[in-house]
């Protein structure tokens, strides 16, 4: 799926129907992909699971930025359990595929 398609999913998740936040949402999608890859995941944007993971991560980044609950040092608070669980499962899948 393209970033434009992911942006639509993120906007639906966030309830952002107007286009004035598109650039910011695109930035959150890019950051989400980077952060996920830092965990050791090779994203496949044809996989519904990977698209969903990027969507969840980008939406979380957007919400945390909007709520401004960071500590001023770029730390945006604790990751939601659902997102951490999905990310951990994806990392484990990556390792299992590498070993198998």
C-alpha atoms as a PDB file:
ATOM      1  CA  UNK A   1       0.000   0.000   0.000  1.00  0.00           C
ATOM      2  CA  UNK A   2       1.199   3.497  -0.737  1.00  0.00           C
ATOM      3  CA  UNK A   3       1.712   6.191   1.874  1.00  0.00           C
ATOM      4  CA  UNK A   4      -1.333   7.971   0.429  1.00  0.00           C
ATOM      5  CA  UNK A   5      -3.446   4.926   1.219  1.00  0.00           C
ATOM      6  CA  UNK A   6      -1.955   4.673   4.694  1.00  0.00           C
ATOM      7  CA  UNK A   7      -2.649   8.387   5.227  1.00  0.00           C
ATOM      8  CA  UNK A   8      -6.331   7.766   4.504  1.00  0.00           C
ATOM      9  CA  UNK A   9      -6.383   4.954   7.077  1.00  0.00           C
ATOM     10  CA  UNK A  10      -4.621   7.121   9.673  1.00  0.00           C
ATOM     11  CA  UNK A  11      -7.021   9.991   9.019  1.00  0.00           C
ATOM     12  CA  UNK A  12      -9.982   7.624   9.448  1.00  0.00           C
ATOM     13  CA  UNK A  13      -8.451   6.350  12.711  1.00  0.00           C
ATOM     14  CA  UNK A  14      -7.936   9.889  13.971  1.00  0.00           C
ATOM     15  CA  UNK A  15     -11.233  11.285  12.691  1.00  0.00           C
ATOM     16  CA  UNK A  16      -9.259  13.881  10.695  1.00  0.00           C
ATOM     17  CA  UNK A  17     -11.450  14.457   7.669  1.00  0.00           C
ATOM     18  CA  UNK A  18      -9.901  17.669   6.372  1.00  0.00           C
ATOM     19  CA  UNK A  19      -6.652  17.867   4.404  1.00  0.00           C
ATOM     20  CA  UNK A  20      -4.852  20.542   6.413  1.00  0.00           C
ATOM     21  CA  UNK A  21      -2.961  17.928   8.469  1.00  0.00           C
ATOM     22  CA  UNK A  22      -1.811  15.770   5.529  1.00  0.00           C
ATOM     23  CA  UNK A  23       1.826  16.892   5.674  1.00  0.00           C
ATOM     24  CA  UNK A  24       2.000  16.206   9.409  1.00  0.00           C
ATOM     25  CA  UNK A  25       0.328  12.817   9.033  1.00  0.00           C
ATOM     26  CA  UNK A  26       2.752  11.943   6.222  1.00  0.00           C
ATOM     27  CA  UNK A  27       5.620  12.838   8.562  1.00  0.00           C
ATOM     28  CA  UNK A  28       4.163  10.615  11.302  1.00  0.00           C
ATOM     29  CA  UNK A  29       3.885   7.728   8.789  1.00  0.00           C
ATOM     30  CA  UNK A  30       7.510   8.185   7.794  1.00  0.00           C
ATOM     31  CA  UNK A  31       8.630   8.295  11.431  1.00  0.00           C
ATOM     32  CA  UNK A  32       6.519   5.246  12.298  1.00  0.00           C
ATOM     33  CA  UNK A  33       8.162   3.235   9.520  1.00  0.00           C
ATOM     34  CA  UNK A  34      11.605   4.303  10.705  1.00  0.00           C
ATOM     35  CA  UNK A  35      10.898   3.454  14.329  1.00  0.00           C
ATOM     36  CA  UNK A  36       9.454   0.065  13.395  1.00  0.00           C
ATOM     37  CA  UNK A  37      12.463  -0.743  11.228  1.00  0.00           C
ATOM     38  CA  UNK A  38      14.729   0.279  14.119  1.00  0.00           C
ATOM     39  CA  UNK A  39      13.115  -2.579  16.077  1.00  0.00           C
ATOM     40  CA  UNK A  40      14.473  -4.980  13.431  1.00  0.00           C
ATOM     41  CA  UNK A  41      11.398  -5.347  11.242  1.00  0.00           C
ATOM     42  CA  UNK A  42      11.593  -5.378   7.456  1.00  0.00           C
ATOM     43  CA  UNK A  43       8.247  -3.871   6.506  1.00  0.00           C
ATOM     44  CA  UNK A  44       6.234  -5.322   3.650  1.00  0.00           C
ATOM     45  CA  UNK A  45       3.680  -2.709   2.683  1.00  0.00           C
ATOM     46  CA  UNK A  46       1.689  -5.337   0.757  1.00  0.00           C
ATOM     47  CA  UNK A  47       0.979  -7.094   4.065  1.00  0.00           C
ATOM     48  CA  UNK A  48      -2.216  -6.029   5.824  1.00  0.00           C
ATOM     49  CA  UNK A  49      -0.530  -6.656   9.173  1.00  0.00           C
ATOM     50  CA  UNK A  50       2.393  -4.368   8.415  1.00  0.00           C
ATOM     51  CA  UNK A  51       0.090  -1.669   7.016  1.00  0.00           C
ATOM     52  CA  UNK A  52      -1.991  -1.904  10.188  1.00  0.00           C
ATOM     53  CA  UNK A  53       1.097  -1.668  12.377  1.00  0.00           C
ATOM     54  CA  UNK A  54       2.304   1.477  10.574  1.00  0.00           C
ATOM     55  CA  UNK A  55      -1.210   2.965  10.804  1.00  0.00           C
ATOM     56  CA  UNK A  56      -1.439   2.300  14.553  1.00  0.00           C
ATOM     57  CA  UNK A  57       2.053   3.639  15.206  1.00  0.00           C
ATOM     58  CA  UNK A  58       1.539   6.785  13.104  1.00  0.00           C
ATOM     59  CA  UNK A  59      -1.838   7.496  14.735  1.00  0.00           C
ATOM     60  CA  UNK A  60      -0.260   7.119  18.183  1.00  0.00           C
ATOM     61  CA  UNK A  61       2.552   9.511  17.259  1.00  0.00           C
ATOM     62  CA  UNK A  62      -0.002  12.032  15.975  1.00  0.00           C
ATOM     63  CA  UNK A  63      -2.178  11.785  19.090  1.00  0.00           C
ATOM     64  CA  UNK A  64       0.762  12.097  21.433  1.00  0.00           C
ATOM     65  CA  UNK A  65       2.028  15.150  19.558  1.00  0.00           C
ATOM     66  CA  UNK A  66      -1.428  16.710  19.621  1.00  0.00           C
ATOM     67  CA  UNK A  67      -1.884  16.084  23.332  1.00  0.00           C
ATOM     68  CA  UNK A  68       1.596  17.474  24.053  1.00  0.00           C
ATOM     69  CA  UNK A  69       2.208  15.022  26.885  1.00  0.00           C
ATOM     70  CA  UNK A  70       5.893  14.787  26.103  1.00  0.00           C
ATOM     71  CA  UNK A  71       8.581  15.727  28.564  1.00  0.00           C
ATOM     72  CA  UNK A  72      10.155  18.337  26.278  1.00  0.00           C
ATOM     73  CA  UNK A  73      12.974  15.970  25.369  1.00  0.00           C
ATOM     74  CA  UNK A  74      11.211  14.190  22.534  1.00  0.00           C
ATOM     75  CA  UNK A  75       9.820  11.459  24.794  1.00  0.00           C
ATOM     76  CA  UNK A  76       6.141  11.079  24.063  1.00  0.00           C
ATOM     77  CA  UNK A  77       4.991   8.846  26.823  1.00  0.00           C
ATOM     78  CA  UNK A  78       4.323   5.182  27.221  1.00  0.00           C
ATOM     79  CA  UNK A  79       3.332   3.205  24.138  1.00  0.00           C
ATOM     80  CA  UNK A  80      -0.165   1.702  24.368  1.00  0.00           C
ATOM     81  CA  UNK A  81      -0.185  -1.994  25.243  1.00  0.00           C
ATOM     82  CA  UNK A  82      -1.993  -2.958  22.018  1.00  0.00           C
ATOM     83  CA  UNK A  83       0.628  -1.243  19.877  1.00  0.00           C
ATOM     84  CA  UNK A  84       3.540  -2.677  21.892  1.00  0.00           C
ATOM     85  CA  UNK A  85       1.993  -6.163  21.656  1.00  0.00           C
ATOM     86  CA  UNK A  86       1.586  -5.884  17.868  1.00  0.00           C
ATOM     87  CA  UNK A  87       5.112  -4.565  17.447  1.00  0.00           C
ATOM     88  CA  UNK A  88       6.586  -7.322  19.621  1.00  0.00           C
ATOM     89  CA  UNK A  89       4.686  -9.971  17.661  1.00  0.00           C
ATOM     90  CA  UNK A  90       5.953  -8.548  14.380  1.00  0.00           C
ATOM     91  CA  UNK A  91       9.546  -8.516  15.682  1.00  0.00           C
ATOM     92  CA  UNK A  92       9.184 -12.149  16.802  1.00  0.00           C
ATOM     93  CA  UNK A  93       7.802 -13.104  13.389  1.00  0.00           C
ATOM     94  CA  UNK A  94      10.791 -11.450  11.720  1.00  0.00           C
ATOM     95  CA  UNK A  95      13.218 -13.394  13.904  1.00  0.00           C
ATOM     96  CA  UNK A  96      11.392 -16.679  13.330  1.00  0.00           C
ATOM     97  CA  UNK A  97      11.520 -16.173   9.562  1.00  0.00           C
ATOM     98  CA  UNK A  98      15.224 -15.377   9.726  1.00  0.00           C
ATOM     99  CA  UNK A  99      15.961 -18.537  11.691  1.00  0.00           C
ATOM    100  CA  UNK A 100      13.667 -20.830   9.727  1.00  0.00           C
END
